[in-house]
Protein backbone atom coordinates (compact mmCIF):
# COMPACT_ATOMS: atom_id res chain seq x y z
CA MET A 1 0.00 0.00 0.00
CA SER A 2 1.06 3.59 -0.50
CA LEU A 3 1.34 6.09 2.34
CA PRO A 4 -1.55 8.61 2.38
CA VAL A 5 -0.34 12.00 1.22
CA THR A 6 -3.49 14.08 1.37
CA ASP A 7 -1.69 16.81 3.30
CA THR A 8 0.88 17.21 0.53
CA ASP A 9 -1.81 18.50 -1.78
CA ALA A 10 -1.99 21.65 0.30
CA VAL A 11 0.00 24.78 -0.52
CA ALA A 12 2.45 24.23 2.34
CA ALA A 13 5.11 21.63 1.67
CA ARG A 14 5.33 18.65 3.97
CA TYR A 15 8.60 18.36 5.91
CA VAL A 16 10.33 14.99 6.02
CA ASP A 17 13.81 14.45 7.46
CA THR A 18 14.92 12.10 4.66
CA ILE A 19 13.46 11.63 1.19
CA ILE A 20 14.44 8.62 -0.91
CA ILE A 21 13.74 8.91 -4.63
CA GLY A 22 13.12 5.60 -6.36
CA SER A 23 12.34 2.11 -5.10
CA GLY A 24 14.32 -0.43 -7.05
CA PHE A 25 16.97 -2.53 -5.32
CA ALA A 26 18.78 0.65 -4.20
CA GLY A 27 15.92 2.77 -2.86
CA LEU A 28 14.19 -0.20 -1.26
CA GLY A 29 17.46 -1.19 0.38
CA ALA A 30 17.83 2.31 1.83
CA ALA A 31 14.29 2.22 3.20
CA ILE A 32 14.93 -1.16 4.82
CA LYS A 33 18.20 -0.05 6.42
CA LEU A 34 16.60 3.10 7.84
CA SER A 35 13.63 1.12 9.12
CA GLN A 36 15.87 -1.50 10.73
CA GLN A 37 17.61 1.15 12.82
CA GLY A 38 14.31 2.56 14.02
CA SER A 39 14.05 5.59 11.74
CA THR A 40 10.50 6.64 10.90
CA ASP A 41 10.91 10.17 9.55
CA PHE A 42 11.52 9.21 5.93
CA LEU A 43 9.54 8.64 2.75
CA VAL A 44 10.21 6.87 -0.53
CA LEU A 45 8.89 8.73 -3.57
CA GLU A 46 8.29 6.26 -6.40
CA ARG A 47 6.91 7.24 -9.80
CA GLY A 48 5.66 3.70 -10.47
CA SER A 49 2.76 1.90 -8.84
CA ASP A 50 4.93 -0.62 -6.99
CA VAL A 51 8.49 -1.32 -5.92
CA GLY A 52 10.92 -2.97 -8.33
CA GLY A 53 12.38 -0.24 -10.52
CA THR A 54 13.84 -1.68 -13.70
CA TRP A 55 12.39 -5.12 -12.90
CA ARG A 56 8.91 -3.65 -12.62
CA ASP A 57 9.27 -1.74 -15.88
CA ASN A 58 11.05 -4.23 -18.14
CA THR A 59 8.42 -6.87 -18.86
CA TYR A 60 9.33 -7.64 -22.46
CA PRO A 61 9.25 -11.28 -23.68
CA GLY A 62 12.30 -13.18 -22.46
CA ALA A 63 13.31 -10.61 -19.83
CA ALA A 64 15.77 -12.19 -17.41
CA CYS A 65 18.85 -11.39 -15.35
CA ASP A 66 22.37 -12.04 -16.62
CA VAL A 67 23.76 -12.54 -13.11
CA PRO A 68 23.04 -15.78 -11.17
CA SER A 69 20.03 -15.52 -8.88
CA HIS A 70 21.79 -16.35 -5.63
CA LEU A 71 24.16 -13.41 -6.16
CA TYR A 72 21.60 -11.02 -7.63
CA SER A 73 19.75 -10.58 -4.34
CA TYR A 74 20.20 -8.89 -0.98
CA SER A 75 22.72 -10.52 1.37
CA PHE A 76 20.29 -9.87 4.22
CA ALA A 77 17.33 -11.43 2.38
CA LEU A 78 18.59 -14.62 0.76
CA ASN A 79 15.99 -16.53 -1.22
CA PRO A 80 16.30 -20.34 -1.09
CA ASP A 81 13.34 -20.72 -3.45
CA TRP A 82 14.88 -19.45 -6.70
CA THR A 83 13.59 -21.80 -9.37
CA ARG A 84 16.59 -21.53 -11.69
CA SER A 85 20.18 -20.33 -11.81
CA PHE A 86 19.35 -17.21 -13.86
CA SER A 87 15.95 -15.88 -12.82
CA ARG A 88 13.44 -14.31 -15.14
CA GLN A 89 11.76 -10.96 -14.66
CA PRO A 90 8.52 -12.12 -12.99
CA GLU A 91 10.42 -14.08 -10.34
CA ILE A 92 12.81 -11.20 -9.60
CA GLN A 93 9.94 -8.73 -9.31
CA LYS A 94 8.11 -11.13 -6.99
CA TYR A 95 11.26 -11.38 -4.85
CA ILE A 96 11.59 -7.59 -4.56
CA GLU A 97 7.93 -7.25 -3.56
CA SER A 98 8.30 -10.03 -0.97
CA VAL A 99 11.32 -8.30 0.60
CA ALA A 100 9.38 -5.02 0.83
CA ARG A 101 6.59 -6.88 2.64
CA GLN A 102 8.97 -8.82 4.85
CA TYR A 103 10.62 -5.64 6.13
CA ARG A 104 7.33 -3.72 6.27
CA VAL A 105 8.37 -0.66 4.31
CA TYR A 106 5.46 -0.47 1.88
CA ASP A 107 3.79 2.06 4.18
CA ARG A 108 6.78 4.40 3.83
CA HIS A 109 6.19 4.70 0.07
CA VAL A 110 4.34 7.30 -1.95
CA PHE A 111 3.58 5.58 -5.25
CA ASP A 112 2.62 7.18 -8.56
CA CYS A 113 4.70 10.13 -7.41
CA HIS A 114 6.88 11.69 -10.09
CA VAL A 115 9.57 14.02 -8.78
CA GLU A 116 9.56 17.06 -11.06
CA SER A 117 12.37 18.94 -9.32
CA ALA A 118 14.57 18.97 -6.24
CA ARG A 119 16.17 22.31 -5.42
CA TRP A 120 18.63 23.13 -2.63
CA ASN A 121 17.43 26.06 -0.54
CA THR A 122 20.48 27.86 0.85
CA ALA A 123 18.39 29.97 3.22
CA THR A 124 16.85 26.97 4.98
CA SER A 125 19.59 24.40 4.30
CA GLN A 126 16.93 22.03 3.01
CA TRP A 127 15.82 20.47 -0.24
CA ASP A 128 12.59 21.77 -1.78
CA ILE A 129 10.99 18.96 -3.74
CA VAL A 130 8.15 19.36 -6.22
CA THR A 131 6.22 16.22 -7.18
CA THR A 132 3.00 15.28 -8.91
CA ARG A 133 1.60 14.39 -5.49
CA GLY A 134 2.43 17.56 -3.65
CA ASN A 135 5.52 19.33 -2.40
CA PHE A 136 8.02 18.26 0.23
CA THR A 137 10.98 19.74 2.06
CA ALA A 138 13.72 17.51 3.39
CA LYS A 139 16.97 17.90 5.25
CA LYS A 140 18.51 14.93 3.42
CA VAL A 141 17.81 13.38 0.03
CA VAL A 142 18.88 9.98 -1.27
CA SER A 143 18.64 9.67 -5.04
CA ALA A 144 18.17 6.01 -5.96
CA VAL A 145 16.73 6.37 -9.46
CA GLY A 146 19.43 4.20 -11.03
CA ALA A 147 20.97 4.35 -14.49
CA LEU A 148 18.44 2.23 -16.39
CA CYS A 149 15.27 4.22 -15.82
CA GLU A 150 15.00 6.61 -18.77
CA PRO A 151 14.61 4.87 -22.18
CA ASN A 152 16.86 6.17 -24.92
CA LEU A 153 14.81 6.73 -28.08
CA PRO A 154 16.76 6.84 -31.35
CA ASP A 155 16.91 10.05 -33.33
CA ILE A 156 15.85 8.60 -36.69
CA ALA A 157 14.16 10.63 -39.40
CA GLY A 158 10.45 9.86 -39.69
CA ILE A 159 10.20 7.58 -36.67
CA THR A 160 7.34 9.63 -35.22
CA ASP A 161 5.39 9.11 -38.45
CA PHE A 162 5.35 5.32 -38.18
CA GLN A 163 1.74 4.10 -38.33
CA GLY A 164 2.14 0.61 -36.86
CA GLU A 165 2.75 -0.52 -33.29
CA ILE A 166 5.91 1.06 -31.87
CA PHE A 167 7.31 0.86 -28.35
CA HIS A 168 10.57 0.77 -26.40
CA SER A 169 11.64 -2.53 -24.87
CA ALA A 170 11.31 -0.99 -21.39
CA ARG A 171 7.73 0.11 -22.13
CA TRP A 172 6.47 -3.09 -23.74
CA ASN A 173 2.89 -2.92 -24.99
CA HIS A 174 1.36 -6.24 -23.97
CA ASP A 175 -1.90 -5.32 -25.70
CA ALA A 176 -0.13 -5.39 -29.06
CA SER A 177 0.04 -8.87 -30.56
CA LEU A 178 3.09 -9.51 -32.73
CA GLU A 179 2.01 -12.98 -33.78
CA GLY A 180 1.98 -13.33 -37.56
CA LYS A 181 3.26 -9.76 -38.01
CA ARG A 182 6.28 -8.32 -39.81
CA VAL A 183 8.39 -6.95 -36.98
CA ALA A 184 11.60 -4.93 -36.75
CA VAL A 185 13.85 -4.74 -33.69
CA ILE A 186 16.33 -1.86 -33.57
CA GLY A 187 19.32 -2.71 -31.42
CA THR A 188 21.35 -5.76 -30.46
CA GLY A 189 22.08 -5.07 -26.81
CA ALA A 190 21.15 -6.90 -23.61
CA SER A 191 17.38 -6.50 -24.07
CA ALA A 192 17.34 -7.25 -27.80
CA ILE A 193 19.18 -10.55 -27.51
CA GLN A 194 16.44 -11.72 -25.13
CA ILE A 195 13.54 -10.33 -27.18
CA VAL A 196 14.64 -11.72 -30.55
CA PRO A 197 14.61 -15.42 -29.57
CA ALA A 198 11.35 -14.94 -27.66
CA ILE A 199 9.35 -13.50 -30.58
CA ALA A 200 11.09 -15.03 -33.61
CA PRO A 201 9.10 -18.32 -33.58
CA THR A 202 5.71 -16.57 -33.71
CA VAL A 203 6.20 -13.55 -35.97
CA ALA A 204 5.82 -13.80 -39.74
CA HIS A 205 9.14 -12.10 -40.34
CA LEU A 206 11.70 -10.36 -38.15
CA ASP A 207 14.31 -7.78 -39.18
CA VAL A 208 17.01 -7.15 -36.58
CA TYR A 209 18.90 -3.88 -37.10
CA GLN A 210 22.45 -4.04 -35.80
CA ARG A 211 24.86 -1.14 -35.53
CA THR A 212 27.59 -3.00 -33.65
CA ALA A 213 27.82 -6.74 -33.10
CA PRO A 214 28.06 -7.74 -29.41
CA TRP A 215 30.15 -10.51 -27.91
CA VAL A 216 27.77 -13.20 -26.64
CA LEU A 217 28.81 -15.87 -24.14
CA PRO A 218 26.92 -19.04 -23.16
CA ARG A 219 24.20 -18.77 -20.54
CA PHE A 220 24.72 -21.59 -18.04
CA ASP A 221 21.09 -21.61 -17.00
CA ARG A 222 19.06 -24.49 -15.64
CA GLU A 223 16.26 -25.22 -13.21
CA TYR A 224 17.21 -26.09 -9.64
CA THR A 225 16.21 -29.55 -8.49
CA ARG A 226 13.97 -30.11 -5.50
CA ILE A 227 16.95 -31.49 -3.56
CA GLU A 228 19.00 -28.38 -4.30
CA LYS A 229 16.23 -26.06 -3.14
CA LEU A 230 15.81 -28.06 0.07
CA ALA A 231 19.57 -27.82 0.64
CA PHE A 232 19.49 -24.05 0.10
CA LYS A 233 16.68 -23.82 2.63
CA TYR A 234 17.70 -26.22 5.37
CA LEU A 235 21.42 -26.98 5.09
CA PRO A 236 23.19 -24.37 7.23
CA GLY A 237 25.53 -22.17 5.24
CA TYR A 238 25.00 -23.97 1.92
CA GLN A 239 23.27 -21.09 0.13
CA ARG A 240 25.74 -18.51 1.40
CA LEU A 241 28.63 -20.76 0.35
CA SER A 242 27.09 -21.08 -3.13
CA ARG A 243 26.69 -17.32 -3.30
CA THR A 244 30.32 -16.78 -2.27
CA GLY A 245 31.51 -19.21 -4.94
CA ILE A 246 29.57 -17.39 -7.65
CA TYR A 247 30.91 -14.05 -6.44
CA ALA A 248 34.53 -15.26 -6.43
CA ALA A 249 34.25 -16.76 -9.92
CA ARG A 250 32.80 -13.56 -11.34
CA GLU A 251 35.37 -11.39 -9.61
CA THR A 252 38.22 -13.12 -11.44
CA GLN A 253 37.10 -11.33 -14.62
CA VAL A 254 38.28 -8.03 -13.13
CA VAL A 255 41.91 -9.02 -13.69
CA GLY A 256 41.34 -9.39 -17.43
CA LEU A 257 39.11 -6.34 -17.77
CA THR A 258 41.35 -3.93 -15.89
CA ARG A 259 44.88 -5.32 -15.61
CA VAL A 260 45.86 -8.20 -17.90
CA PRO A 261 43.84 -7.99 -21.15
CA LYS A 262 45.32 -11.22 -22.50
CA LEU A 263 43.29 -13.14 -19.94
CA MET A 264 40.13 -12.16 -21.84
CA LYS A 265 41.29 -14.25 -24.80
CA ALA A 266 39.73 -17.30 -23.17
CA PHE A 267 36.34 -15.59 -23.12
CA GLU A 268 36.76 -14.54 -26.74
CA PHE A 269 37.52 -18.14 -27.72
CA ILE A 270 34.31 -19.30 -26.03
CA ALA A 271 32.30 -16.53 -27.72
CA ARG A 272 33.66 -17.43 -31.16
CA ARG A 273 32.67 -21.05 -30.58
CA GLN A 274 29.17 -19.80 -29.78
CA ILE A 275 28.99 -18.15 -33.19
CA ALA A 276 30.25 -21.25 -34.98
CA LYS A 277 27.77 -23.51 -33.18
CA GLY A 278 24.74 -21.25 -33.51
CA ILE A 279 25.02 -19.94 -37.08
CA ARG A 280 25.49 -21.97 -40.25
CA ASP A 281 25.78 -19.21 -42.87
CA THR A 282 29.33 -17.89 -43.22
CA GLU A 283 28.23 -14.37 -44.20
CA LEU A 284 25.96 -14.15 -41.17
CA ARG A 285 28.81 -15.36 -39.00
CA ARG A 286 30.92 -12.51 -40.32
CA LYS A 287 28.20 -9.98 -39.53
CA VAL A 288 27.81 -11.10 -35.91
CA THR A 289 31.55 -11.27 -35.17
CA PRO A 290 32.62 -8.10 -33.31
CA ASN A 291 35.62 -6.08 -34.46
CA PHE A 292 36.69 -5.04 -30.96
CA ARG A 293 38.14 -6.82 -27.94
CA ILE A 294 35.77 -8.73 -25.74
CA GLY A 295 34.82 -6.76 -22.64
CA CYS A 296 35.14 -3.35 -24.31
CA LYS A 297 31.35 -3.25 -24.52
CA ARG A 298 29.07 -5.12 -22.19
CA MET A 299 29.46 -8.89 -22.56
CA LEU A 300 26.09 -10.53 -23.17
CA ILE A 301 24.92 -14.05 -22.41
CA SER A 302 22.49 -16.17 -24.42
CA ASN A 303 22.16 -19.71 -25.72
CA ASN A 304 19.44 -18.98 -28.27
CA TYR A 305 20.24 -15.59 -29.80
CA TYR A 306 22.44 -16.92 -32.61
CA PRO A 307 20.07 -19.81 -33.47
CA ALA A 308 17.25 -17.23 -33.65
CA LEU A 309 19.22 -15.12 -36.14
CA ASP A 310 19.80 -18.29 -38.16
CA ARG A 311 16.06 -18.88 -38.61
CA PRO A 312 14.67 -18.54 -42.18
CA ASN A 313 12.17 -15.85 -41.09
CA VAL A 314 14.84 -13.64 -39.49
CA ASP A 315 17.18 -11.19 -41.25
CA LEU A 316 20.08 -9.34 -39.63
CA VAL A 317 20.43 -5.88 -41.18
CA THR A 318 23.76 -4.13 -40.71
CA ASP A 319 23.22 -1.14 -43.00
CA GLY A 320 22.43 2.09 -41.20
CA ILE A 321 18.83 3.29 -41.02
CA ARG A 322 18.18 6.31 -43.24
CA GLU A 323 14.55 6.87 -42.30
CA VAL A 324 11.38 5.30 -40.96
CA ARG A 325 8.24 5.65 -43.04
CA ALA A 326 4.60 5.01 -42.22
CA HIS A 327 4.89 1.25 -42.76
CA SER A 328 8.55 0.58 -43.47
CA ILE A 329 12.21 1.19 -42.72
CA VAL A 330 14.64 2.46 -45.36
CA THR A 331 18.35 1.76 -44.92
CA ALA A 332 21.33 3.74 -46.18
CA ASP A 333 21.64 1.57 -49.30
CA GLY A 334 18.08 2.51 -50.32
CA THR A 335 16.46 -0.82 -49.43
CA GLU A 336 12.93 -0.48 -48.07
CA ARG A 337 11.59 -3.19 -45.76
CA GLU A 338 7.90 -3.19 -44.88
CA ILE A 339 6.92 -3.84 -41.26
CA ASP A 340 3.80 -3.89 -39.09
CA ALA A 341 5.47 -3.29 -35.73
CA LEU A 342 8.66 -1.67 -34.49
CA VAL A 343 10.44 -2.56 -31.24
CA VAL A 344 13.04 -0.03 -30.11
CA ALA A 345 15.70 -1.76 -27.99
CA THR A 346 18.23 1.07 -27.88
CA GLY A 347 18.99 1.14 -24.18
CA PHE A 348 18.80 4.00 -21.72
CA HIS A 349 20.08 7.47 -20.98
CA VAL A 350 23.00 6.67 -18.67
CA THR A 351 25.55 9.49 -18.85
CA ASP A 352 22.89 12.03 -19.90
CA SER A 353 19.86 10.99 -17.86
CA PRO A 354 16.94 13.48 -18.03
CA THR A 355 16.58 13.09 -14.24
CA PHE A 356 19.73 15.21 -13.85
CA GLN A 357 17.88 18.21 -15.32
CA GLY A 358 15.57 18.53 -12.33
CA ILE A 359 18.13 18.52 -9.51
CA PHE A 360 19.52 21.96 -8.63
CA GLY A 361 22.46 22.56 -6.28
CA LYS A 362 23.54 25.41 -4.06
CA ASP A 363 24.54 27.71 -6.94
CA GLY A 364 21.26 27.15 -8.79
CA ARG A 365 22.82 24.99 -11.49
CA SER A 366 21.28 21.67 -12.39
CA LEU A 367 23.12 18.39 -12.07
CA ALA A 368 22.80 18.09 -15.85
CA GLU A 369 24.67 21.38 -16.34
CA VAL A 370 27.43 20.35 -13.95
CA PHE A 371 27.83 16.93 -15.57
CA ASP A 372 27.74 18.47 -19.04
CA GLU A 373 30.63 20.75 -18.15
CA ARG A 374 32.82 18.45 -16.08
CA GLY A 375 31.57 14.98 -16.91
CA GLN A 376 29.61 12.74 -14.58
CA GLN A 377 31.91 13.00 -11.58
CA GLY A 378 31.21 12.21 -7.96
CA TYR A 379 32.92 11.01 -4.82
CA LYS A 380 32.71 7.28 -4.14
CA GLY A 381 29.61 7.28 -6.34
CA ALA A 382 27.68 8.81 -3.45
CA THR A 383 28.08 12.60 -3.41
CA VAL A 384 28.74 15.48 -5.81
CA ALA A 385 30.40 18.80 -4.94
CA GLY A 386 27.91 21.67 -5.02
CA PHE A 387 24.98 19.48 -3.95
CA PRO A 388 24.85 19.45 -0.14
CA ASN A 389 23.01 16.74 1.81
CA LEU A 390 22.34 14.83 -1.42
CA PHE A 391 23.44 11.21 -1.58
CA PHE A 392 23.40 8.89 -4.56
CA LEU A 393 22.94 5.17 -4.82
CA VAL A 394 24.25 3.77 -8.12
CA GLY A 395 25.99 7.09 -8.74
CA PRO A 396 28.95 7.89 -11.02
CA ASN A 397 31.46 5.07 -11.60
CA THR A 398 29.57 2.45 -9.62
CA GLY A 399 28.42 0.37 -12.59
CA LEU A 400 29.74 -3.11 -13.30
CA GLY A 401 30.31 -5.20 -16.38
CA HIS A 402 30.87 -8.56 -14.73
CA THR A 403 28.90 -9.16 -11.54
CA SER A 404 25.92 -8.21 -9.37
CA MET A 405 24.99 -4.55 -8.92
CA VAL A 406 23.24 -5.53 -5.70
CA PHE A 407 26.68 -6.05 -4.13
CA MET A 408 27.66 -2.49 -5.09
CA ILE A 409 24.33 -1.15 -3.85
CA GLU A 410 24.83 -2.75 -0.45
CA SER A 411 28.33 -1.27 -0.29
CA GLN A 412 26.91 2.18 -1.01
CA LEU A 413 24.18 1.63 1.55
CA ASN A 414 26.87 1.18 4.20
CA TYR A 415 28.33 4.55 3.25
CA VAL A 416 25.13 6.53 2.76
CA ILE A 417 23.32 5.26 5.85
CA ASP A 418 26.44 6.00 7.92
CA ALA A 419 26.47 9.50 6.39
CA LEU A 420 22.84 10.10 7.40
CA ASN A 421 23.58 8.84 10.90
CA THR A 422 26.69 11.02 11.14
CA ILE A 423 24.64 14.11 10.29
CA ASP A 424 22.19 13.26 13.06
CA LYS A 425 24.84 12.24 15.60
CA HIS A 426 26.80 15.49 15.28
CA ASP A 427 23.75 17.70 14.70
CA LEU A 428 25.04 18.81 11.32
CA GLY A 429 22.98 21.07 9.11
CA VAL A 430 24.99 20.78 5.92
CA VAL A 431 27.58 18.35 4.57
CA GLU A 432 29.16 18.72 1.14
CA VAL A 433 32.07 16.86 -0.37
CA ARG A 434 35.04 19.15 -0.96
CA ARG A 435 35.80 19.86 -4.60
CA GLU A 436 39.48 19.02 -4.29
CA VAL A 437 38.67 15.67 -2.69
CA GLN A 438 36.26 14.82 -5.50
CA ASP A 439 38.76 15.90 -8.16
CA GLU A 440 41.54 13.80 -6.64
CA PHE A 441 39.24 10.78 -6.41
CA ASN A 442 38.23 11.11 -10.07
CA ALA A 443 41.77 11.68 -11.29
CA ASP A 444 42.73 8.40 -9.66
CA LEU A 445 39.71 6.67 -11.21
CA GLN A 446 40.54 7.87 -14.72
CA THR A 447 44.18 6.81 -14.31
CA LYS A 448 42.98 3.29 -13.55
CA LEU A 449 40.33 3.36 -16.26
CA ASN A 450 42.84 4.40 -18.92
CA LYS A 451 44.48 0.99 -18.53
CA THR A 452 41.27 -1.00 -18.97
CA VAL A 453 39.76 -2.78 -21.94
CA TRP A 454 36.83 -0.34 -21.78
CA LEU A 455 39.07 2.46 -23.06
CA ASN A 456 41.58 0.41 -25.03
CA GLY A 457 39.43 -2.27 -26.59
CA GLY A 458 38.64 -0.50 -29.85
CA CYS A 459 34.96 0.25 -29.31
CA ALA A 460 32.61 3.13 -28.53
CA SER A 461 30.08 2.34 -25.83
CA TRP A 462 27.54 3.91 -23.50
CA TYR A 463 30.17 3.52 -20.79
CA LEU A 464 31.82 6.70 -22.13
CA ASP A 465 30.55 10.26 -21.85
CA LYS A 466 30.96 12.98 -24.46
CA HIS A 467 34.33 13.91 -22.96
CA GLY A 468 35.62 10.40 -23.69
CA ASN A 469 35.79 9.48 -20.01
CA ASN A 470 34.34 6.33 -18.53
CA THR A 471 32.08 7.73 -15.81
CA THR A 472 30.00 4.58 -15.59
CA LEU A 473 32.11 1.64 -14.40
CA TRP A 474 34.13 0.87 -11.29
CA PRO A 475 37.71 0.01 -12.41
CA ASP A 476 38.69 -2.36 -9.62
CA PHE A 477 37.55 -5.33 -7.56
CA THR A 478 34.17 -4.86 -5.93
CA PHE A 479 35.59 -5.86 -2.56
CA GLU A 480 37.89 -2.84 -2.86
CA PHE A 481 34.82 -0.63 -3.35
CA ARG A 482 33.26 -2.25 -0.29
CA ARG A 483 36.39 -1.42 1.69
CA ILE A 484 36.39 2.29 0.84
CA THR A 485 32.65 2.66 1.49
CA ARG A 486 32.52 0.78 4.79
CA ASN A 487 32.29 4.04 6.75
CA PHE A 488 31.41 7.65 6.00
CA ASP A 489 34.59 9.77 5.95
CA LEU A 490 33.47 13.12 7.33
CA GLU A 491 36.99 14.49 6.91
CA ALA A 492 36.41 14.57 3.13
CA TYR A 493 33.51 16.98 3.59
CA ASP A 494 32.80 20.56 4.53
CA ALA A 495 30.26 20.64 7.33
CA LEU A 496 28.06 23.22 9.04
CA ALA A 497 26.39 22.87 12.40
CA ALA A 498 22.60 22.72 12.30
CA GLY A 499 20.71 25.97 12.69
CA ASP A 500 23.69 28.31 12.50
CA VAL A 501 25.56 29.07 9.28
CA THR A 502 28.24 30.82 11.36
CA ARG A 503 29.05 27.70 13.38
CA PRO A 504 31.31 25.49 11.25
CA VAL A 505 32.11 21.97 12.39
CA SER A 506 35.41 20.20 12.70
CA ALA A 507 35.34 17.28 10.31
CA VAL A 508 37.67 15.35 12.59
CA ASP A 509 35.43 14.91 15.61
CA GLY A 510 32.19 16.73 14.75
CA THR A 511 32.80 19.37 17.44
CA PRO A 512 31.43 22.86 16.73
CA THR A 513 34.23 25.38 16.29
CA PRO A 514 34.03 28.97 17.53
CA ALA A 515 31.68 31.17 15.56
CA THR A 516 33.13 33.04 12.63
CA THR A 517 32.60 36.76 12.27
CA ASP A 518 31.93 36.44 8.54
CA ASN A 519 28.35 35.60 7.60
CA ASP A 520 29.20 34.61 4.04
CA ASP A 521 27.96 31.03 3.62
CA GLU A 522 30.94 29.90 1.58
CA LYS A 523 33.43 31.19 4.15
CA ALA A 524 31.44 29.76 7.03
CA ILE A 525 31.94 26.25 5.75
CA SER A 526 35.06 24.68 7.16
CA ARG A 527 36.90 21.43 7.04
């Protein structure tokens, strides 16, 4: 159920100590952690009608996770009842909902609540938040909207004039039947390689438009036996041991991705065997073989994508799209292919998310403006200079290309929850990461990233921003990220005591320092 918000419809904004924006794995995790420690003065603002985030929204045919189920889950809410090694969307969504019920945080949610803007108010040292369900003010804000929330629609001439069914993979229209239709899928990324095998057997004809061929590895997926599920449930430590084994195996990829590229040759060999086994036609094999090093772009997993492309009713089109017409697609070579339905599987806004446009910091500039100028930079993926009392989950450089994001989310939860508690413990009014600390952190990140396959593998990917920097991925072992986010480091921040802009706080012990005689806010902030 959603928390009643009738009072937020009034002119006066409702005050809440902590606002969490978004309720996927990250936002829900934050709500649970706050609830577990007895906090009640917080709300979760969720634009959807339920928890789940990307798993609530992505309901396309074949939707499934590419990380094993026992690792792609909360460490504090293990699920012994996973039905298979790689769970599908309905089961993951059901799991997320069950965790929300188990920890009784549904009543802290305001659903169908779209946040239109969040603006830092320097006079009150609070965030003013405008939503479709009323206005709020908050001392602290946790942004947990994630990177895969805003669909990226292609800028193709004439696409708005298409007269058939058209929808993005993340906004699948289940009322539209594709059976017996001529269908086009634009894109060959993580969603597309699941959609294509799912719809190919029932459509009349399928055109798959590929700009860049992905590397595709086998998907070692199977159903768990009854004995295995009983062991996960009743054998002490067995499920956690299995989870640890999966984690360790996945973490070995980091060496090849970031340090010793030659180690990725083994993965490339396996991927090439996949192509040879799944596709008979030599020309089609050539088209689906990438021309960059494996790992440079996201590595995908599927056992049935290549066999689907090899079907007689499926064509892989590698020519660029010139325009979309009312009932067809025209490619650069002038070929026109008639279609009845168009599926856009072109990913999401990651480094240029529209959500950044509605968050305004202490100087009145939006997060989008700051990121456009300097790149998507933050400190430990959790804070950004110029945006006081704002904490991110799944922020800059916290993405992964090899293992479970839930592990990273839980690491960030340690840091962010400790930050919120530190503010309360020391009665702080404002905390803001120091610019020089953020710059030093990012310089170190880019030095590490410059040695990785992501920047040296010969590809262009959504990992990179317009400045050519990788502001998406973490360039090290995930246990190293867990180490640096175990505790909130107040010494990296400027801090002000609550209720008095002239009473700066020592970042070493949280003790108020003598009042300054200068009332200028910037000078009142100390280390």
